[in-house]
Amino acid sequence: MKLLHRPDLFCWSEFNTERNIDFHSIAWIRPEGNVLVDPLPLSEHNWTHLQSLGGAEWIVVTNSDHIRASLEIAEKTGAQIAAPGGEKDTFPIPVQRWLVDSDVVVPGLDSIALHGSKTPGELALVLEETTLITGDLVRAHQAGSLMLLPDGKLIDKSQAIASVRRLAQLSKIEAVLVGDGWQIFHDGHIRLQELLDIASLIITTK
């Protein structure tokens, strides 16, 4: 796994040839038990690395399209799975905890329920106020800038923009760790504001 901008954050990735971007998974290493977000399959090297760091206590799935290897890793580590409460009636795998807006996943990690994306109540996560972790709605197909999920996959673009507006109000965000694309390690709040400005301009000029 790759070390990120903090000594307690790691990432592993898989290149998607259809979109020409990387898909990412996040591991937050903490003494009370590690948290994985949207975990992809682990290579032997990454599995050994994760085990050396203490395995996993929780797996957070931001939306049903990001289940990935959650079940397999949960079975191997004994981790519990948390997922969006907005998908409770249709989520395809067993879940031990349903997360809704403003839930504390574990101390220091808070959930935000996003609306208008391709699944109800997609989760974003805020780590200790300064790191935002996103699933599908906010992504980065070009280095240095953020973008929305394409219009054709949105349930409601107005609601999606309202969700981005809320994220852009998180003034302490420095890093934005996206599930799909390029990670943002500096000036995350500014990049979110730029995304909001562009998305709002597009919808008002249509």
N, C-alpha and C. Protein backbone atom coordinates (compact mmCIF):
# COMPACT_ATOMS: atom_id res chain seq x y z
N MET A 1 0.85 -1.19 0.00
CA MET A 1 0.00 0.00 0.00
C MET A 1 0.88 1.24 0.00
N LYS A 2 0.37 2.30 -0.58
CA LYS A 2 1.13 3.54 -0.72
C LYS A 2 0.82 4.49 0.43
N LEU A 3 1.86 5.07 1.00
CA LEU A 3 1.69 6.06 2.06
C LEU A 3 1.19 7.37 1.45
N LEU A 4 0.18 7.96 2.09
CA LEU A 4 -0.40 9.20 1.58
C LEU A 4 0.17 10.40 2.33
N HIS A 5 -0.62 11.45 2.50
CA HIS A 5 -0.12 12.72 3.03
C HIS A 5 -0.01 12.72 4.55
N ARG A 6 -0.51 11.67 5.18
CA ARG A 6 -0.41 11.52 6.63
C ARG A 6 0.20 10.16 6.94
N PRO A 7 0.93 10.04 8.03
CA PRO A 7 1.59 8.76 8.34
C PRO A 7 0.62 7.64 8.69
N ASP A 8 -0.65 7.98 8.92
CA ASP A 8 -1.64 6.97 9.28
C ASP A 8 -2.61 6.66 8.13
N LEU A 9 -2.32 7.16 6.93
CA LEU A 9 -3.20 6.93 5.79
C LEU A 9 -2.44 6.23 4.66
N PHE A 10 -3.05 5.17 4.15
CA PHE A 10 -2.48 4.42 3.04
C PHE A 10 -3.54 4.23 1.95
N CYS A 11 -3.06 3.90 0.77
CA CYS A 11 -3.94 3.74 -0.39
C CYS A 11 -3.45 2.57 -1.23
N TRP A 12 -4.38 1.82 -1.81
CA TRP A 12 -4.01 0.89 -2.88
C TRP A 12 -4.97 1.09 -4.04
N SER A 13 -4.52 0.79 -5.25
CA SER A 13 -5.20 1.25 -6.45
C SER A 13 -5.26 0.17 -7.52
N GLU A 14 -6.15 0.41 -8.47
CA GLU A 14 -6.30 -0.48 -9.64
C GLU A 14 -6.61 0.40 -10.85
N PHE A 15 -5.87 0.23 -11.92
CA PHE A 15 -6.10 1.05 -13.11
C PHE A 15 -7.30 0.52 -13.89
N ASN A 16 -8.23 1.44 -14.22
CA ASN A 16 -9.41 1.09 -14.99
C ASN A 16 -9.20 1.51 -16.43
N THR A 17 -9.10 0.54 -17.33
CA THR A 17 -8.79 0.84 -18.72
C THR A 17 -9.95 1.50 -19.45
N GLU A 18 -11.17 1.26 -19.00
CA GLU A 18 -12.34 1.86 -19.67
C GLU A 18 -12.34 3.38 -19.50
N ARG A 19 -11.97 3.84 -18.30
CA ARG A 19 -12.00 5.28 -18.02
C ARG A 19 -10.60 5.92 -18.01
N ASN A 20 -9.55 5.10 -18.09
CA ASN A 20 -8.18 5.59 -18.05
C ASN A 20 -7.87 6.36 -16.77
N ILE A 21 -8.37 5.84 -15.65
CA ILE A 21 -8.09 6.43 -14.35
C ILE A 21 -7.84 5.29 -13.36
N ASP A 22 -7.28 5.65 -12.22
CA ASP A 22 -7.12 4.69 -11.13
C ASP A 22 -8.35 4.69 -10.24
N PHE A 23 -8.73 3.51 -9.78
CA PHE A 23 -9.68 3.37 -8.68
C PHE A 23 -8.86 3.20 -7.41
N HIS A 24 -9.33 3.80 -6.31
CA HIS A 24 -8.55 3.81 -5.08
C HIS A 24 -9.33 3.24 -3.90
N SER A 25 -8.58 2.70 -2.96
CA SER A 25 -9.09 2.31 -1.65
C SER A 25 -8.21 2.95 -0.59
N ILE A 26 -8.82 3.25 0.56
CA ILE A 26 -8.11 3.95 1.62
C ILE A 26 -8.07 3.10 2.88
N ALA A 27 -6.94 3.14 3.58
CA ALA A 27 -6.80 2.51 4.89
C ALA A 27 -6.37 3.57 5.89
N TRP A 28 -7.19 3.76 6.93
CA TRP A 28 -6.82 4.65 8.04
C TRP A 28 -6.34 3.76 9.18
N ILE A 29 -5.09 3.92 9.54
CA ILE A 29 -4.46 3.08 10.55
C ILE A 29 -4.58 3.78 11.91
N ARG A 30 -5.21 3.10 12.85
CA ARG A 30 -5.45 3.71 14.16
C ARG A 30 -5.32 2.66 15.25
N PRO A 31 -4.82 3.04 16.44
CA PRO A 31 -4.60 2.06 17.52
C PRO A 31 -5.86 1.32 17.92
N GLU A 32 -7.02 1.98 17.78
CA GLU A 32 -8.28 1.37 18.21
C GLU A 32 -8.87 0.43 17.17
N GLY A 33 -8.23 0.30 16.01
CA GLY A 33 -8.72 -0.56 14.95
C GLY A 33 -8.78 0.17 13.63
N ASN A 34 -8.25 -0.43 12.58
CA ASN A 34 -8.13 0.24 11.29
C ASN A 34 -9.46 0.28 10.54
N VAL A 35 -9.60 1.33 9.73
CA VAL A 35 -10.80 1.52 8.92
C VAL A 35 -10.40 1.51 7.44
N LEU A 36 -11.06 0.68 6.65
CA LEU A 36 -10.86 0.65 5.20
C LEU A 36 -12.06 1.28 4.52
N VAL A 37 -11.80 1.98 3.42
CA VAL A 37 -12.88 2.62 2.65
C VAL A 37 -12.86 2.07 1.23
N ASP A 38 -14.01 1.52 0.80
CA ASP A 38 -14.19 1.01 -0.56
C ASP A 38 -13.04 0.09 -1.00
N PRO A 39 -12.80 -0.99 -0.26
CA PRO A 39 -11.59 -1.78 -0.51
C PRO A 39 -11.64 -2.61 -1.79
N LEU A 40 -10.66 -2.38 -2.64
CA LEU A 40 -10.40 -3.22 -3.81
C LEU A 40 -9.74 -4.52 -3.37
N PRO A 41 -9.68 -5.53 -4.26
CA PRO A 41 -8.92 -6.73 -3.92
C PRO A 41 -7.47 -6.39 -3.55
N LEU A 42 -6.95 -7.10 -2.59
CA LEU A 42 -5.59 -6.87 -2.12
C LEU A 42 -4.63 -7.86 -2.77
N SER A 43 -3.53 -7.34 -3.29
CA SER A 43 -2.46 -8.23 -3.76
C SER A 43 -1.83 -8.90 -2.54
N GLU A 44 -1.03 -9.91 -2.78
CA GLU A 44 -0.34 -10.59 -1.68
C GLU A 44 0.52 -9.61 -0.89
N HIS A 45 1.20 -8.72 -1.62
CA HIS A 45 2.04 -7.71 -0.97
C HIS A 45 1.19 -6.80 -0.09
N ASN A 46 0.07 -6.28 -0.64
CA ASN A 46 -0.76 -5.35 0.12
C ASN A 46 -1.45 -6.05 1.29
N TRP A 47 -1.81 -7.32 1.09
CA TRP A 47 -2.44 -8.06 2.18
C TRP A 47 -1.45 -8.22 3.34
N THR A 48 -0.22 -8.57 3.03
CA THR A 48 0.80 -8.71 4.06
C THR A 48 1.04 -7.38 4.77
N HIS A 49 1.05 -6.31 3.99
CA HIS A 49 1.25 -4.97 4.56
C HIS A 49 0.11 -4.62 5.51
N LEU A 50 -1.12 -4.84 5.07
CA LEU A 50 -2.27 -4.53 5.92
C LEU A 50 -2.23 -5.34 7.20
N GLN A 51 -1.91 -6.62 7.09
CA GLN A 51 -1.84 -7.46 8.28
C GLN A 51 -0.77 -6.95 9.25
N SER A 52 0.35 -6.47 8.70
CA SER A 52 1.42 -5.96 9.56
C SER A 52 1.01 -4.69 10.28
N LEU A 53 0.00 -3.99 9.72
CA LEU A 53 -0.50 -2.76 10.33
C LEU A 53 -1.70 -2.99 11.23
N GLY A 54 -2.10 -4.25 11.36
CA GLY A 54 -3.18 -4.55 12.30
C GLY A 54 -4.49 -5.00 11.69
N GLY A 55 -4.51 -5.27 10.38
CA GLY A 55 -5.74 -5.76 9.76
C GLY A 55 -6.79 -4.68 9.64
N ALA A 56 -8.05 -5.01 9.91
CA ALA A 56 -9.14 -4.04 9.77
C ALA A 56 -10.22 -4.32 10.79
N GLU A 57 -10.77 -3.25 11.36
CA GLU A 57 -11.91 -3.36 12.28
C GLU A 57 -13.21 -3.00 11.56
N TRP A 58 -13.14 -1.97 10.70
CA TRP A 58 -14.32 -1.52 9.97
C TRP A 58 -14.01 -1.38 8.49
N ILE A 59 -15.01 -1.68 7.67
CA ILE A 59 -14.98 -1.38 6.25
C ILE A 59 -16.16 -0.47 5.96
N VAL A 60 -15.89 0.68 5.38
CA VAL A 60 -16.96 1.61 5.00
C VAL A 60 -17.10 1.58 3.48
N VAL A 61 -18.30 1.29 3.03
CA VAL A 61 -18.61 1.28 1.60
C VAL A 61 -19.41 2.53 1.30
N THR A 62 -18.90 3.39 0.42
CA THR A 62 -19.57 4.67 0.18
C THR A 62 -20.83 4.55 -0.65
N ASN A 63 -20.93 3.52 -1.49
CA ASN A 63 -22.13 3.28 -2.28
C ASN A 63 -22.08 1.86 -2.83
N SER A 64 -23.20 1.36 -3.30
CA SER A 64 -23.27 -0.06 -3.67
C SER A 64 -22.43 -0.42 -4.88
N ASP A 65 -21.99 0.56 -5.66
CA ASP A 65 -21.08 0.28 -6.77
C ASP A 65 -19.62 0.17 -6.32
N HIS A 66 -19.38 0.43 -5.04
CA HIS A 66 -18.01 0.37 -4.50
C HIS A 66 -17.85 -0.74 -3.47
N ILE A 67 -18.68 -1.78 -3.58
CA ILE A 67 -18.53 -2.92 -2.66
C ILE A 67 -17.18 -3.60 -2.86
N ARG A 68 -16.82 -3.78 -4.13
CA ARG A 68 -15.51 -4.30 -4.49
C ARG A 68 -15.19 -5.59 -3.72
N ALA A 69 -14.12 -5.62 -2.94
CA ALA A 69 -13.73 -6.84 -2.23
C ALA A 69 -14.10 -6.79 -0.75
N SER A 70 -15.11 -6.02 -0.41
CA SER A 70 -15.46 -5.82 1.00
C SER A 70 -15.77 -7.12 1.72
N LEU A 71 -16.58 -7.97 1.10
CA LEU A 71 -16.97 -9.22 1.77
C LEU A 71 -15.76 -10.13 2.01
N GLU A 72 -14.93 -10.27 1.00
CA GLU A 72 -13.74 -11.13 1.12
C GLU A 72 -12.82 -10.64 2.23
N ILE A 73 -12.59 -9.32 2.26
CA ILE A 73 -11.67 -8.77 3.27
C ILE A 73 -12.30 -8.86 4.65
N ALA A 74 -13.61 -8.64 4.75
CA ALA A 74 -14.29 -8.77 6.04
C ALA A 74 -14.18 -10.18 6.58
N GLU A 75 -14.33 -11.16 5.70
CA GLU A 75 -14.23 -12.55 6.13
C GLU A 75 -12.84 -12.89 6.64
N LYS A 76 -11.82 -12.31 6.03
CA LYS A 76 -10.44 -12.62 6.41
C LYS A 76 -10.00 -11.87 7.67
N THR A 77 -10.55 -10.67 7.88
CA THR A 77 -10.09 -9.83 8.98
C THR A 77 -11.05 -9.80 10.16
N GLY A 78 -12.30 -10.20 9.94
CA GLY A 78 -13.31 -10.05 10.98
C GLY A 78 -13.88 -8.66 11.06
N ALA A 79 -13.57 -7.82 10.08
CA ALA A 79 -14.08 -6.44 10.08
C ALA A 79 -15.59 -6.42 9.90
N GLN A 80 -16.21 -5.40 10.49
CA GLN A 80 -17.62 -5.13 10.28
C GLN A 80 -17.77 -4.17 9.10
N ILE A 81 -18.90 -4.26 8.42
CA ILE A 81 -19.15 -3.44 7.23
C ILE A 81 -20.20 -2.38 7.56
N ALA A 82 -19.91 -1.13 7.18
CA ALA A 82 -20.85 -0.03 7.28
C ALA A 82 -21.14 0.49 5.88
N ALA A 83 -22.39 0.88 5.64
CA ALA A 83 -22.81 1.29 4.30
C ALA A 83 -23.89 2.36 4.39
N PRO A 84 -24.25 2.97 3.25
CA PRO A 84 -25.22 4.07 3.28
C PRO A 84 -26.62 3.64 3.71
N GLY A 85 -27.17 4.33 4.69
CA GLY A 85 -28.52 4.05 5.12
C GLY A 85 -29.55 4.27 4.03
N GLY A 86 -29.23 5.14 3.07
CA GLY A 86 -30.14 5.40 1.96
C GLY A 86 -30.34 4.19 1.05
N GLU A 87 -29.44 3.21 1.15
CA GLU A 87 -29.54 2.00 0.32
C GLU A 87 -29.92 0.77 1.15
N LYS A 88 -30.43 0.98 2.33
CA LYS A 88 -30.70 -0.12 3.25
C LYS A 88 -31.61 -1.19 2.64
N ASP A 89 -32.60 -0.79 1.85
CA ASP A 89 -33.57 -1.75 1.32
C ASP A 89 -33.06 -2.53 0.11
N THR A 90 -31.97 -2.08 -0.49
CA THR A 90 -31.52 -2.71 -1.73
C THR A 90 -30.06 -3.14 -1.71
N PHE A 91 -29.34 -2.87 -0.63
CA PHE A 91 -27.90 -3.15 -0.60
C PHE A 91 -27.66 -4.65 -0.75
N PRO A 92 -26.75 -5.06 -1.64
CA PRO A 92 -26.66 -6.48 -2.00
C PRO A 92 -25.82 -7.36 -1.09
N ILE A 93 -25.19 -6.81 -0.06
CA ILE A 93 -24.40 -7.65 0.84
C ILE A 93 -24.81 -7.38 2.28
N PRO A 94 -24.53 -8.30 3.20
CA PRO A 94 -24.86 -8.07 4.61
C PRO A 94 -24.06 -6.90 5.18
N VAL A 95 -24.73 -6.10 5.99
CA VAL A 95 -24.12 -4.90 6.56
C VAL A 95 -24.40 -4.88 8.07
N GLN A 96 -23.39 -4.55 8.85
CA GLN A 96 -23.57 -4.50 10.30
C GLN A 96 -24.02 -3.13 10.80
N ARG A 97 -23.78 -2.09 9.99
CA ARG A 97 -24.16 -0.74 10.44
C ARG A 97 -24.53 0.11 9.24
N TRP A 98 -25.66 0.79 9.37
CA TRP A 98 -26.11 1.72 8.32
C TRP A 98 -25.77 3.14 8.74
N LEU A 99 -25.08 3.86 7.88
CA LEU A 99 -24.65 5.22 8.19
C LEU A 99 -25.56 6.24 7.52
N VAL A 100 -25.92 7.24 8.28
CA VAL A 100 -26.70 8.35 7.74
C VAL A 100 -25.91 9.63 7.97
N ASP A 101 -26.48 10.73 7.58
CA ASP A 101 -25.78 12.01 7.64
C ASP A 101 -25.36 12.35 9.07
N SER A 102 -24.12 12.81 9.20
CA SER A 102 -23.56 13.30 10.47
C SER A 102 -23.29 12.20 11.49
N ASP A 103 -23.31 10.94 11.05
CA ASP A 103 -22.91 9.87 11.96
C ASP A 103 -21.41 9.92 12.21
N VAL A 104 -21.02 9.53 13.41
CA VAL A 104 -19.60 9.32 13.72
C VAL A 104 -19.30 7.85 13.46
N VAL A 105 -18.53 7.59 12.43
CA VAL A 105 -18.19 6.20 12.09
C VAL A 105 -17.35 5.60 13.20
N VAL A 106 -16.25 6.24 13.49
CA VAL A 106 -15.42 6.02 14.67
C VAL A 106 -14.95 7.42 15.06
N PRO A 107 -14.48 7.63 16.27
CA PRO A 107 -14.04 8.97 16.64
C PRO A 107 -13.04 9.54 15.64
N GLY A 108 -13.35 10.73 15.14
CA GLY A 108 -12.48 11.39 14.17
C GLY A 108 -12.90 11.20 12.73
N LEU A 109 -13.88 10.32 12.48
CA LEU A 109 -14.33 10.06 11.12
C LEU A 109 -15.85 10.21 11.05
N ASP A 110 -16.29 11.24 10.32
CA ASP A 110 -17.71 11.56 10.24
C ASP A 110 -18.25 11.31 8.85
N SER A 111 -19.53 10.94 8.78
CA SER A 111 -20.16 10.67 7.49
C SER A 111 -21.00 11.86 7.04
N ILE A 112 -21.04 12.04 5.73
CA ILE A 112 -21.92 13.02 5.09
C ILE A 112 -22.72 12.28 4.03
N ALA A 113 -24.03 12.37 4.08
CA ALA A 113 -24.89 11.75 3.08
C ALA A 113 -25.07 12.72 1.92
N LEU A 114 -24.70 12.27 0.73
CA LEU A 114 -24.82 13.08 -0.47
C LEU A 114 -26.08 12.68 -1.24
N HIS A 115 -26.65 13.63 -1.94
CA HIS A 115 -27.90 13.37 -2.67
C HIS A 115 -27.72 13.73 -4.14
N GLY A 116 -28.50 13.05 -4.98
CA GLY A 116 -28.46 13.32 -6.41
C GLY A 116 -27.48 12.50 -7.19
N SER A 117 -26.64 11.70 -6.52
CA SER A 117 -25.68 10.85 -7.22
C SER A 117 -26.41 9.66 -7.83
N LYS A 118 -25.68 8.63 -8.21
CA LYS A 118 -26.33 7.50 -8.89
C LYS A 118 -26.97 6.51 -7.93
N THR A 119 -26.67 6.66 -6.63
CA THR A 119 -27.31 5.84 -5.61
C THR A 119 -27.77 6.74 -4.47
N PRO A 120 -28.85 6.38 -3.77
CA PRO A 120 -29.36 7.23 -2.69
C PRO A 120 -28.42 7.28 -1.50
N GLY A 121 -28.20 8.48 -0.99
CA GLY A 121 -27.45 8.64 0.24
C GLY A 121 -25.99 8.27 0.18
N GLU A 122 -25.38 8.36 -1.02
CA GLU A 122 -23.95 8.06 -1.13
C GLU A 122 -23.18 8.78 -0.04
N LEU A 123 -22.19 8.10 0.52
CA LEU A 123 -21.44 8.66 1.63
C LEU A 123 -20.16 9.36 1.18
N ALA A 124 -19.88 10.48 1.82
CA ALA A 124 -18.53 11.05 1.85
C ALA A 124 -18.10 11.00 3.31
N LEU A 125 -16.81 11.00 3.54
CA LEU A 125 -16.28 10.89 4.90
C LEU A 125 -15.31 12.04 5.16
N VAL A 126 -15.39 12.60 6.36
CA VAL A 126 -14.47 13.67 6.75
C VAL A 126 -13.60 13.15 7.90
N LEU A 127 -12.31 13.13 7.64
CA LEU A 127 -11.34 12.62 8.61
C LEU A 127 -10.68 13.79 9.33
N GLU A 128 -10.98 13.90 10.62
CA GLU A 128 -10.37 14.92 11.48
C GLU A 128 -10.39 16.30 10.85
N GLU A 129 -11.49 16.62 10.20
CA GLU A 129 -11.83 17.94 9.66
C GLU A 129 -11.04 18.36 8.43
N THR A 130 -9.91 17.70 8.13
CA THR A 130 -9.04 18.22 7.08
C THR A 130 -8.92 17.34 5.85
N THR A 131 -9.40 16.09 5.92
CA THR A 131 -9.31 15.19 4.78
C THR A 131 -10.70 14.70 4.41
N LEU A 132 -11.09 14.93 3.16
CA LEU A 132 -12.37 14.47 2.64
C LEU A 132 -12.14 13.23 1.79
N ILE A 133 -12.94 12.19 2.04
CA ILE A 133 -12.86 10.95 1.26
C ILE A 133 -14.17 10.79 0.51
N THR A 134 -14.11 10.67 -0.82
CA THR A 134 -15.33 10.61 -1.63
C THR A 134 -15.39 9.28 -2.39
N GLY A 135 -16.61 8.94 -2.80
CA GLY A 135 -16.83 7.70 -3.53
C GLY A 135 -16.96 7.92 -5.02
N ASP A 136 -18.18 8.23 -5.47
CA ASP A 136 -18.43 8.38 -6.91
C ASP A 136 -18.77 9.80 -7.34
N LEU A 137 -19.54 10.53 -6.53
CA LEU A 137 -20.07 11.82 -6.98
C LEU A 137 -18.96 12.81 -7.31
N VAL A 138 -18.00 12.93 -6.43
CA VAL A 138 -16.85 13.83 -6.64
C VAL A 138 -15.65 12.99 -7.01
N ARG A 139 -15.06 13.28 -8.15
CA ARG A 139 -13.98 12.48 -8.71
C ARG A 139 -12.98 13.41 -9.38
N ALA A 140 -11.94 12.86 -10.00
CA ALA A 140 -10.91 13.70 -10.61
C ALA A 140 -10.27 12.94 -11.76
N HIS A 141 -10.77 13.19 -12.96
CA HIS A 141 -10.21 12.51 -14.14
C HIS A 141 -9.00 13.24 -14.71
N GLN A 142 -8.73 14.44 -14.20
CA GLN A 142 -7.56 15.20 -14.61
C GLN A 142 -6.86 15.71 -13.35
N ALA A 143 -5.55 15.57 -13.32
CA ALA A 143 -4.80 15.97 -12.13
C ALA A 143 -5.01 17.44 -11.81
N GLY A 144 -5.23 17.73 -10.52
CA GLY A 144 -5.31 19.10 -10.06
C GLY A 144 -6.69 19.71 -10.05
N SER A 145 -7.70 18.97 -10.50
CA SER A 145 -9.06 19.52 -10.50
C SER A 145 -10.06 18.42 -10.23
N LEU A 146 -11.20 18.80 -9.68
CA LEU A 146 -12.27 17.87 -9.36
C LEU A 146 -13.39 17.99 -10.39
N MET A 147 -14.20 16.95 -10.48
CA MET A 147 -15.33 16.96 -11.39
C MET A 147 -16.47 16.17 -10.77
N LEU A 148 -17.67 16.37 -11.31
CA LEU A 148 -18.84 15.61 -10.90
C LEU A 148 -18.95 14.33 -11.72
N LEU A 149 -19.64 13.36 -11.15
CA LEU A 149 -20.07 12.20 -11.92
C LEU A 149 -20.82 12.70 -13.16
N PRO A 150 -20.65 12.09 -14.32
CA PRO A 150 -21.32 12.57 -15.53
C PRO A 150 -22.84 12.66 -15.37
N ASP A 151 -23.44 13.64 -16.06
CA ASP A 151 -24.87 13.91 -15.93
C ASP A 151 -25.73 12.67 -16.13
N GLY A 152 -25.35 11.83 -17.09
CA GLY A 152 -26.16 10.66 -17.42
C GLY A 152 -26.29 9.66 -16.29
N LYS A 153 -25.41 9.76 -15.29
CA LYS A 153 -25.45 8.83 -14.16
C LYS A 153 -26.04 9.45 -12.90
N LEU A 154 -26.35 10.74 -12.95
CA LEU A 154 -26.90 11.41 -11.78
C LEU A 154 -28.41 11.18 -11.69
N ILE A 155 -28.88 10.98 -10.48
CA ILE A 155 -30.32 10.91 -10.25
C ILE A 155 -30.93 12.30 -10.36
N ASP A 156 -30.25 13.29 -9.80
CA ASP A 156 -30.77 14.66 -9.79
C ASP A 156 -29.58 15.61 -9.70
N LYS A 157 -29.31 16.34 -10.79
CA LYS A 157 -28.13 17.19 -10.81
C LYS A 157 -28.23 18.36 -9.83
N SER A 158 -29.43 18.91 -9.66
CA SER A 158 -29.59 20.01 -8.71
C SER A 158 -29.24 19.55 -7.30
N GLN A 159 -29.70 18.37 -6.93
CA GLN A 159 -29.35 17.85 -5.61
C GLN A 159 -27.86 17.54 -5.51
N ALA A 160 -27.29 17.05 -6.60
CA ALA A 160 -25.86 16.76 -6.61
C ALA A 160 -25.05 18.04 -6.37
N ILE A 161 -25.44 19.12 -7.03
CA ILE A 161 -24.74 20.39 -6.84
C ILE A 161 -24.93 20.91 -5.42
N ALA A 162 -26.12 20.72 -4.87
CA ALA A 162 -26.36 21.12 -3.48
C ALA A 162 -25.44 20.34 -2.54
N SER A 163 -25.21 19.07 -2.84
CA SER A 163 -24.29 18.27 -2.03
C SER A 163 -22.87 18.78 -2.14
N VAL A 164 -22.46 19.15 -3.35
CA VAL A 164 -21.12 19.72 -3.53
C VAL A 164 -21.01 21.06 -2.80
N ARG A 165 -22.08 21.83 -2.82
CA ARG A 165 -22.08 23.11 -2.11
C ARG A 165 -21.80 22.89 -0.63
N ARG A 166 -22.40 21.86 -0.09
CA ARG A 166 -22.17 21.55 1.32
C ARG A 166 -20.71 21.16 1.56
N LEU A 167 -20.14 20.35 0.68
CA LEU A 167 -18.74 19.97 0.83
C LEU A 167 -17.83 21.18 0.71
N ALA A 168 -18.18 22.09 -0.20
CA ALA A 168 -17.35 23.28 -0.41
C ALA A 168 -17.37 24.22 0.80
N GLN A 169 -18.33 24.04 1.68
CA GLN A 169 -18.39 24.85 2.90
C GLN A 169 -17.49 24.34 4.01
N LEU A 170 -16.86 23.19 3.78
CA LEU A 170 -15.94 22.63 4.77
C LEU A 170 -14.59 23.32 4.61
N SER A 171 -14.44 24.43 5.27
CA SER A 171 -13.32 25.33 5.00
C SER A 171 -11.96 24.79 5.43
N LYS A 172 -11.94 23.75 6.26
CA LYS A 172 -10.66 23.22 6.74
C LYS A 172 -10.12 22.09 5.87
N ILE A 173 -10.84 21.71 4.82
CA ILE A 173 -10.40 20.58 3.99
C ILE A 173 -9.14 20.94 3.21
N GLU A 174 -8.11 20.14 3.41
CA GLU A 174 -6.86 20.29 2.66
C GLU A 174 -6.74 19.21 1.59
N ALA A 175 -7.04 17.96 1.94
CA ALA A 175 -6.90 16.86 0.99
C ALA A 175 -8.26 16.31 0.61
N VAL A 176 -8.41 15.96 -0.66
CA VAL A 176 -9.62 15.27 -1.15
C VAL A 176 -9.15 13.96 -1.76
N LEU A 177 -9.48 12.86 -1.10
CA LEU A 177 -9.09 11.53 -1.56
C LEU A 177 -10.29 10.93 -2.28
N VAL A 178 -10.22 10.90 -3.60
CA VAL A 178 -11.34 10.43 -4.41
C VAL A 178 -11.25 8.93 -4.62
N GLY A 179 -12.40 8.31 -4.80
CA GLY A 179 -12.41 6.89 -5.13
C GLY A 179 -11.96 6.63 -6.55
N ASP A 180 -12.22 7.60 -7.43
CA ASP A 180 -11.93 7.45 -8.86
C ASP A 180 -11.13 8.63 -9.36
N GLY A 181 -9.89 8.38 -9.77
CA GLY A 181 -9.11 9.45 -10.40
C GLY A 181 -7.90 9.88 -9.60
N TRP A 182 -7.59 11.18 -9.67
CA TRP A 182 -6.38 11.76 -9.07
C TRP A 182 -6.69 12.29 -7.68
N GLN A 183 -5.82 12.01 -6.74
CA GLN A 183 -5.97 12.54 -5.39
C GLN A 183 -5.53 14.01 -5.33
N ILE A 184 -6.18 14.75 -4.45
CA ILE A 184 -5.82 16.15 -4.18
C ILE A 184 -5.23 16.21 -2.79
N PHE A 185 -4.00 16.66 -2.65
CA PHE A 185 -3.34 16.68 -1.34
C PHE A 185 -3.21 18.08 -0.75
N HIS A 186 -3.42 19.12 -1.53
CA HIS A 186 -3.30 20.49 -1.03
C HIS A 186 -4.45 21.33 -1.57
N ASP A 187 -4.89 22.31 -0.78
CA ASP A 187 -5.91 23.27 -1.21
C ASP A 187 -7.21 22.58 -1.62
N GLY A 188 -7.58 21.54 -0.90
CA GLY A 188 -8.79 20.81 -1.24
C GLY A 188 -10.03 21.67 -1.19
N HIS A 189 -10.11 22.56 -0.20
CA HIS A 189 -11.27 23.45 -0.10
C HIS A 189 -11.40 24.33 -1.33
N ILE A 190 -10.28 24.81 -1.83
CA ILE A 190 -10.30 25.65 -3.04
C ILE A 190 -10.75 24.84 -4.25
N ARG A 191 -10.26 23.60 -4.37
CA ARG A 191 -10.67 22.75 -5.50
C ARG A 191 -12.17 22.44 -5.43
N LEU A 192 -12.71 22.25 -4.23
CA LEU A 192 -14.15 22.00 -4.09
C LEU A 192 -14.94 23.23 -4.47
N GLN A 193 -14.45 24.41 -4.10
CA GLN A 193 -15.14 25.64 -4.46
C GLN A 193 -15.11 25.85 -5.98
N GLU A 194 -13.99 25.53 -6.60
CA GLU A 194 -13.91 25.62 -8.06
C GLU A 194 -14.90 24.68 -8.73
N LEU A 195 -15.01 23.46 -8.20
CA LEU A 195 -15.97 22.50 -8.73
C LEU A 195 -17.39 23.03 -8.60
N LEU A 196 -17.71 23.59 -7.46
CA LEU A 196 -19.05 24.15 -7.25
C LEU A 196 -19.32 25.29 -8.22
N ASP A 197 -18.36 26.15 -8.40
CA ASP A 197 -18.54 27.29 -9.32
C ASP A 197 -18.81 26.82 -10.74
N ILE A 198 -18.03 25.84 -11.20
CA ILE A 198 -18.20 25.34 -12.57
C ILE A 198 -19.54 24.63 -12.73
N ALA A 199 -19.89 23.78 -11.78
CA ALA A 199 -21.14 23.03 -11.86
C ALA A 199 -22.33 23.96 -11.80
N SER A 200 -22.27 24.97 -10.94
CA SER A 200 -23.38 25.91 -10.82
C SER A 200 -23.52 26.76 -12.08
N LEU A 201 -22.39 27.13 -12.68
CA LEU A 201 -22.43 27.93 -13.91
C LEU A 201 -23.07 27.14 -15.04
N ILE A 202 -22.71 25.85 -15.15
CA ILE A 202 -23.25 25.02 -16.22
C ILE A 202 -24.76 24.87 -16.10
N ILE A 203 -25.25 24.65 -14.86
CA ILE A 203 -26.68 24.41 -14.71
C ILE A 203 -27.49 25.70 -14.89
N THR A 204 -26.90 26.85 -14.57
CA THR A 204 -27.64 28.11 -14.73
C THR A 204 -27.64 28.61 -16.16
N THR A 205 -26.72 28.11 -16.99
CA THR A 205 -26.69 28.56 -18.38
C THR A 205 -27.42 27.64 -19.32
N LYS A 206 -27.95 26.52 -18.81
CA LYS A 206 -28.69 25.59 -19.67
C LYS A 206 -30.11 26.12 -19.90
